[in-house]
Amino acid sequence: MNKIGNRSFEDDALASNLNAILESIAKRKPESIKGKYFAKAQVKTSMGPPLKLNIAPYQPSLQQ
């Protein structure tokens, strides 16, 4: 679980932070792992329902 921002953040700042976290995780994929590295990802506020994320752009095996 990672925190990507605060209530005071603009939408663009939250999206940028989320993108940076997902890219960082994707870049750390060990060579020994084949196929998909992420199974799923969600964003959730402290009291709200989770929102599913499209993680296809962050799947290193799907890029190229």
Protein backbone atom coordinates (compact mmCIF):
# COMPACT_ATOMS: atom_id res chain seq x y z
CA MET A 1 0.00 0.00 0.00
CA ASN A 2 1.32 3.43 -0.96
CA LYS A 3 -0.01 6.91 -0.35
CA ILE A 4 -0.09 9.02 -3.51
CA GLY A 5 -1.31 12.32 -2.12
CA ASN A 6 -3.56 14.37 0.12
CA ARG A 7 -6.99 15.89 -0.25
CA SER A 8 -5.37 19.22 -1.12
CA PHE A 9 -3.58 17.81 -4.21
CA GLU A 10 -4.80 18.68 -7.70
CA ASP A 11 -5.95 15.83 -9.97
CA ASP A 12 -2.85 16.18 -12.16
CA ALA A 13 -0.53 15.84 -9.17
CA LEU A 14 -2.31 12.69 -7.97
CA ALA A 15 -2.19 11.14 -11.45
CA SER A 16 1.50 11.99 -11.76
CA ASN A 17 2.31 10.44 -8.38
CA LEU A 18 0.34 7.28 -9.20
CA ASN A 19 2.06 6.97 -12.56
CA ALA A 20 5.48 7.36 -10.92
CA ILE A 21 4.75 4.60 -8.38
CA LEU A 22 3.46 2.13 -10.99
CA GLU A 23 6.39 2.81 -13.34
CA SER A 24 8.86 2.37 -10.49
CA ILE A 25 7.36 -0.99 -9.50
CA ALA A 26 7.28 -2.17 -13.13
CA LYS A 27 10.97 -1.28 -13.61
CA ARG A 28 11.93 -3.43 -10.61
CA LYS A 29 10.51 -6.63 -12.13
CA PRO A 30 13.10 -9.39 -11.65
CA GLU A 31 14.36 -11.07 -14.85
CA SER A 32 13.32 -14.47 -13.45
CA ILE A 33 9.61 -13.55 -13.45
CA LYS A 34 7.94 -14.32 -16.76
CA GLY A 35 4.59 -12.91 -17.89
CA LYS A 36 2.54 -10.40 -15.96
CA TYR A 37 4.13 -8.77 -12.94
CA PHE A 38 0.99 -7.02 -11.65
CA ALA A 39 -2.23 -8.92 -11.05
CA LYS A 40 -4.38 -5.88 -10.30
CA ALA A 41 -4.23 -2.40 -8.80
CA GLN A 42 -6.76 -0.22 -7.05
CA VAL A 43 -6.97 3.34 -5.72
CA LYS A 44 -8.99 4.00 -2.60
CA THR A 45 -9.73 6.94 -0.35
CA SER A 46 -9.73 6.29 3.38
CA MET A 47 -13.52 6.00 3.52
CA GLY A 48 -14.54 5.41 -0.11
CA PRO A 49 -14.90 2.38 -2.35
CA PRO A 50 -11.86 1.19 -4.34
CA LEU A 51 -11.46 2.11 -8.01
CA LYS A 52 -9.88 -0.49 -10.29
CA LEU A 53 -6.96 0.71 -12.41
CA ASN A 54 -6.03 -0.29 -15.94
CA ILE A 55 -2.51 -1.62 -15.42
CA ALA A 56 -1.85 -2.84 -18.98
CA PRO A 57 0.49 0.10 -19.76
CA TYR A 58 2.66 -0.89 -16.78
CA GLN A 59 3.05 -4.56 -17.69
CA PRO A 60 6.67 -4.78 -18.92
CA SER A 61 5.93 -8.04 -20.73
CA LEU A 62 3.25 -6.32 -22.82
CA GLN A 63 5.47 -3.40 -23.85
CA GLN A 64 7.73 -3.65 -26.95
